[in-house]
């Protein structure tokens, strides 16, 4: 499977990000295990409004890639979530949501919820 050309996007496609209770627990665990210096640097970055609070502006990538929400894993590969740089990868149509979101990162959940 081809990878999306995310480098250089500066997080413009990274939001809004709905998150489930299960994903929230995984993210909290990952943030707690993250070195304090890295966590502080990530938390203090200035992002575009609506961009996910875990988008790492300094390194132009997801700051929690290993535990990113399912919607982020699906982005670019489903017709209703097309990557504008590589729309041909959006070939899937039967997006199944297993668990209902409990909120949106950067809106309902902020860095205060992960401290």
C-alpha atoms as a PDB file:
ATOM      1  CA  UNK A   1       0.000   0.000   0.000  1.00  0.00           C
ATOM      2  CA  UNK A   2       1.330   3.427  -0.929  1.00  0.00           C
ATOM      3  CA  UNK A   3       1.913   5.932   1.821  1.00  0.00           C
ATOM      4  CA  UNK A   4       0.370   9.370   1.864  1.00  0.00           C
ATOM      5  CA  UNK A   5       2.667  12.317   1.071  1.00  0.00           C
ATOM      6  CA  UNK A   6       2.175  13.943   4.469  1.00  0.00           C
ATOM      7  CA  UNK A   7       5.588  15.589   4.622  1.00  0.00           C
ATOM      8  CA  UNK A   8       5.170  19.323   4.125  1.00  0.00           C
ATOM      9  CA  UNK A   9       1.445  19.401   4.906  1.00  0.00           C
ATOM     10  CA  UNK A  10       2.088  21.087   8.266  1.00  0.00           C
ATOM     11  CA  UNK A  11      -0.907  19.312   9.796  1.00  0.00           C
ATOM     12  CA  UNK A  12      -3.566  20.952   7.654  1.00  0.00           C
ATOM     13  CA  UNK A  13      -5.407  17.622   7.311  1.00  0.00           C
ATOM     14  CA  UNK A  14      -4.957  16.706  10.978  1.00  0.00           C
ATOM     15  CA  UNK A  15      -8.267  17.851  12.382  1.00  0.00           C
ATOM     16  CA  UNK A  16     -10.872  17.728  13.603  1.00  0.00           C
ATOM     17  CA  UNK A  17      -9.983  14.382  15.185  1.00  0.00           C
ATOM     18  CA  UNK A  18     -12.800  12.460  16.880  1.00  0.00           C
ATOM     19  CA  UNK A  19     -11.551  10.053  19.526  1.00  0.00           C
ATOM     20  CA  UNK A  20     -13.169   7.061  21.229  1.00  0.00           C
ATOM     21  CA  UNK A  21     -12.880   6.108  24.901  1.00  0.00           C
ATOM     22  CA  UNK A  22     -10.526   3.229  24.026  1.00  0.00           C
ATOM     23  CA  UNK A  23      -8.312   5.492  21.912  1.00  0.00           C
ATOM     24  CA  UNK A  24      -8.308   8.136  24.628  1.00  0.00           C
ATOM     25  CA  UNK A  25      -7.022   5.611  27.171  1.00  0.00           C
ATOM     26  CA  UNK A  26      -4.218   4.496  24.814  1.00  0.00           C
ATOM     27  CA  UNK A  27      -3.224   8.084  24.099  1.00  0.00           C
ATOM     28  CA  UNK A  28      -3.170   8.998  27.808  1.00  0.00           C
ATOM     29  CA  UNK A  29      -0.956   5.993  28.542  1.00  0.00           C
ATOM     30  CA  UNK A  30       1.389   6.929  25.692  1.00  0.00           C
ATOM     31  CA  UNK A  31       1.599  10.579  26.796  1.00  0.00           C
ATOM     32  CA  UNK A  32       2.416   9.541  30.389  1.00  0.00           C
ATOM     33  CA  UNK A  33       5.225   7.305  29.091  1.00  0.00           C
ATOM     34  CA  UNK A  34       6.610  10.073  26.860  1.00  0.00           C
ATOM     35  CA  UNK A  35       9.770  11.784  28.145  1.00  0.00           C
ATOM     36  CA  UNK A  36       8.873  15.039  29.941  1.00  0.00           C
ATOM     37  CA  UNK A  37      11.022  17.147  27.603  1.00  0.00           C
ATOM     38  CA  UNK A  38       9.296  15.776  24.490  1.00  0.00           C
ATOM     39  CA  UNK A  39       5.825  16.090  26.059  1.00  0.00           C
ATOM     40  CA  UNK A  40       6.452  19.714  27.059  1.00  0.00           C
ATOM     41  CA  UNK A  41       7.857  20.619  23.638  1.00  0.00           C
ATOM     42  CA  UNK A  42       4.835  19.055  21.902  1.00  0.00           C
ATOM     43  CA  UNK A  43       2.359  20.732  24.249  1.00  0.00           C
ATOM     44  CA  UNK A  44       3.871  24.194  23.766  1.00  0.00           C
ATOM     45  CA  UNK A  45       3.846  24.286  19.964  1.00  0.00           C
ATOM     46  CA  UNK A  46       1.665  26.779  18.094  1.00  0.00           C
ATOM     47  CA  UNK A  47      -0.657  25.031  15.640  1.00  0.00           C
ATOM     48  CA  UNK A  48      -3.220  26.110  13.092  1.00  0.00           C
ATOM     49  CA  UNK A  49      -6.704  26.426  14.610  1.00  0.00           C
ATOM     50  CA  UNK A  50      -8.481  23.062  14.547  1.00  0.00           C
ATOM     51  CA  UNK A  51      -5.274  21.076  14.068  1.00  0.00           C
ATOM     52  CA  UNK A  52      -4.906  18.080  16.379  1.00  0.00           C
ATOM     53  CA  UNK A  53      -3.101  18.930  19.604  1.00  0.00           C
ATOM     54  CA  UNK A  54      -0.708  16.032  18.987  1.00  0.00           C
ATOM     55  CA  UNK A  55       0.466  17.208  15.576  1.00  0.00           C
ATOM     56  CA  UNK A  56       4.199  17.885  15.959  1.00  0.00           C
ATOM     57  CA  UNK A  57       4.767  21.145  14.071  1.00  0.00           C
ATOM     58  CA  UNK A  58       8.521  21.115  14.700  1.00  0.00           C
ATOM     59  CA  UNK A  59       8.979  17.708  13.072  1.00  0.00           C
ATOM     60  CA  UNK A  60       6.021  17.868  10.629  1.00  0.00           C
ATOM     61  CA  UNK A  61       4.458  14.600  11.773  1.00  0.00           C
ATOM     62  CA  UNK A  62       2.066  13.000  14.218  1.00  0.00           C
ATOM     63  CA  UNK A  63       3.409  13.176  17.760  1.00  0.00           C
ATOM     64  CA  UNK A  64       1.499  10.028  18.793  1.00  0.00           C
ATOM     65  CA  UNK A  65       1.698   8.059  15.533  1.00  0.00           C
ATOM     66  CA  UNK A  66       1.819   4.614  17.184  1.00  0.00           C
ATOM     67  CA  UNK A  67      -1.435   5.262  19.091  1.00  0.00           C
ATOM     68  CA  UNK A  68      -3.161   7.656  16.678  1.00  0.00           C
ATOM     69  CA  UNK A  69      -6.957   7.351  16.449  1.00  0.00           C
ATOM     70  CA  UNK A  70      -8.574   5.088  13.872  1.00  0.00           C
ATOM     71  CA  UNK A  71      -9.862   8.054  11.865  1.00  0.00           C
ATOM     72  CA  UNK A  72      -6.243   9.113  11.332  1.00  0.00           C
ATOM     73  CA  UNK A  73      -5.343   5.609  10.175  1.00  0.00           C
ATOM     74  CA  UNK A  74      -8.183   5.706   7.641  1.00  0.00           C
ATOM     75  CA  UNK A  75      -7.519   9.208   6.319  1.00  0.00           C
ATOM     76  CA  UNK A  76      -6.588   9.294   2.651  1.00  0.00           C
ATOM     77  CA  UNK A  77      -7.739   5.753   1.923  1.00  0.00           C
ATOM     78  CA  UNK A  78     -11.521   6.304   2.121  1.00  0.00           C
ATOM     79  CA  UNK A  79     -13.534   8.250  -0.447  1.00  0.00           C
ATOM     80  CA  UNK A  80     -15.063  10.519   2.198  1.00  0.00           C
ATOM     81  CA  UNK A  81     -11.603  11.301   3.639  1.00  0.00           C
ATOM     82  CA  UNK A  82      -9.481  12.093   0.571  1.00  0.00           C
ATOM     83  CA  UNK A  83      -5.899  13.355   0.700  1.00  0.00           C
ATOM     84  CA  UNK A  84      -5.776  16.323  -1.677  1.00  0.00           C
ATOM     85  CA  UNK A  85      -2.188  15.481  -2.650  1.00  0.00           C
ATOM     86  CA  UNK A  86      -2.899  11.865  -3.558  1.00  0.00           C
ATOM     87  CA  UNK A  87      -6.662  11.405  -4.089  1.00  0.00           C
ATOM     88  CA  UNK A  88      -6.154   8.206  -6.105  1.00  0.00           C
ATOM     89  CA  UNK A  89      -5.399   6.315  -2.870  1.00  0.00           C
ATOM     90  CA  UNK A  90      -8.972   6.876  -1.652  1.00  0.00           C
ATOM     91  CA  UNK A  91     -10.463   3.661  -2.987  1.00  0.00           C
ATOM     92  CA  UNK A  92     -12.292   2.298   0.060  1.00  0.00           C
ATOM     93  CA  UNK A  93     -15.939   3.088   0.743  1.00  0.00           C
ATOM     94  CA  UNK A  94     -17.209   0.876   3.571  1.00  0.00           C
ATOM     95  CA  UNK A  95     -15.828   2.780   6.542  1.00  0.00           C
ATOM     96  CA  UNK A  96     -16.991   0.998   9.692  1.00  0.00           C
ATOM     97  CA  UNK A  97     -16.914   2.846  12.997  1.00  0.00           C
ATOM     98  CA  UNK A  98     -16.563   0.317  15.805  1.00  0.00           C
ATOM     99  CA  UNK A  99     -16.958   2.640  18.760  1.00  0.00           C
ATOM    100  CA  UNK A 100     -18.693   6.004  19.085  1.00  0.00           C
ATOM    101  CA  UNK A 101     -16.431   9.026  19.629  1.00  0.00           C
ATOM    102  CA  UNK A 102     -16.525  10.634  23.073  1.00  0.00           C
ATOM    103  CA  UNK A 103     -15.103  13.934  21.861  1.00  0.00           C
ATOM    104  CA  UNK A 104     -12.729  15.757  19.566  1.00  0.00           C
ATOM    105  CA  UNK A 105      -9.033  16.338  20.213  1.00  0.00           C
ATOM    106  CA  UNK A 106      -8.233  20.064  20.557  1.00  0.00           C
ATOM    107  CA  UNK A 107     -11.912  20.868  21.213  1.00  0.00           C
ATOM    108  CA  UNK A 108     -13.257  18.517  23.892  1.00  0.00           C
ATOM    109  CA  UNK A 109      -9.834  17.281  24.999  1.00  0.00           C
ATOM    110  CA  UNK A 110      -6.850  19.595  25.452  1.00  0.00           C
ATOM    111  CA  UNK A 111      -3.387  19.187  26.933  1.00  0.00           C
ATOM    112  CA  UNK A 112      -4.872  19.714  30.413  1.00  0.00           C
ATOM    113  CA  UNK A 113      -6.642  16.352  30.011  1.00  0.00           C
ATOM    114  CA  UNK A 114      -3.316  14.600  29.386  1.00  0.00           C
ATOM    115  CA  UNK A 115      -1.226  16.108  32.198  1.00  0.00           C
END
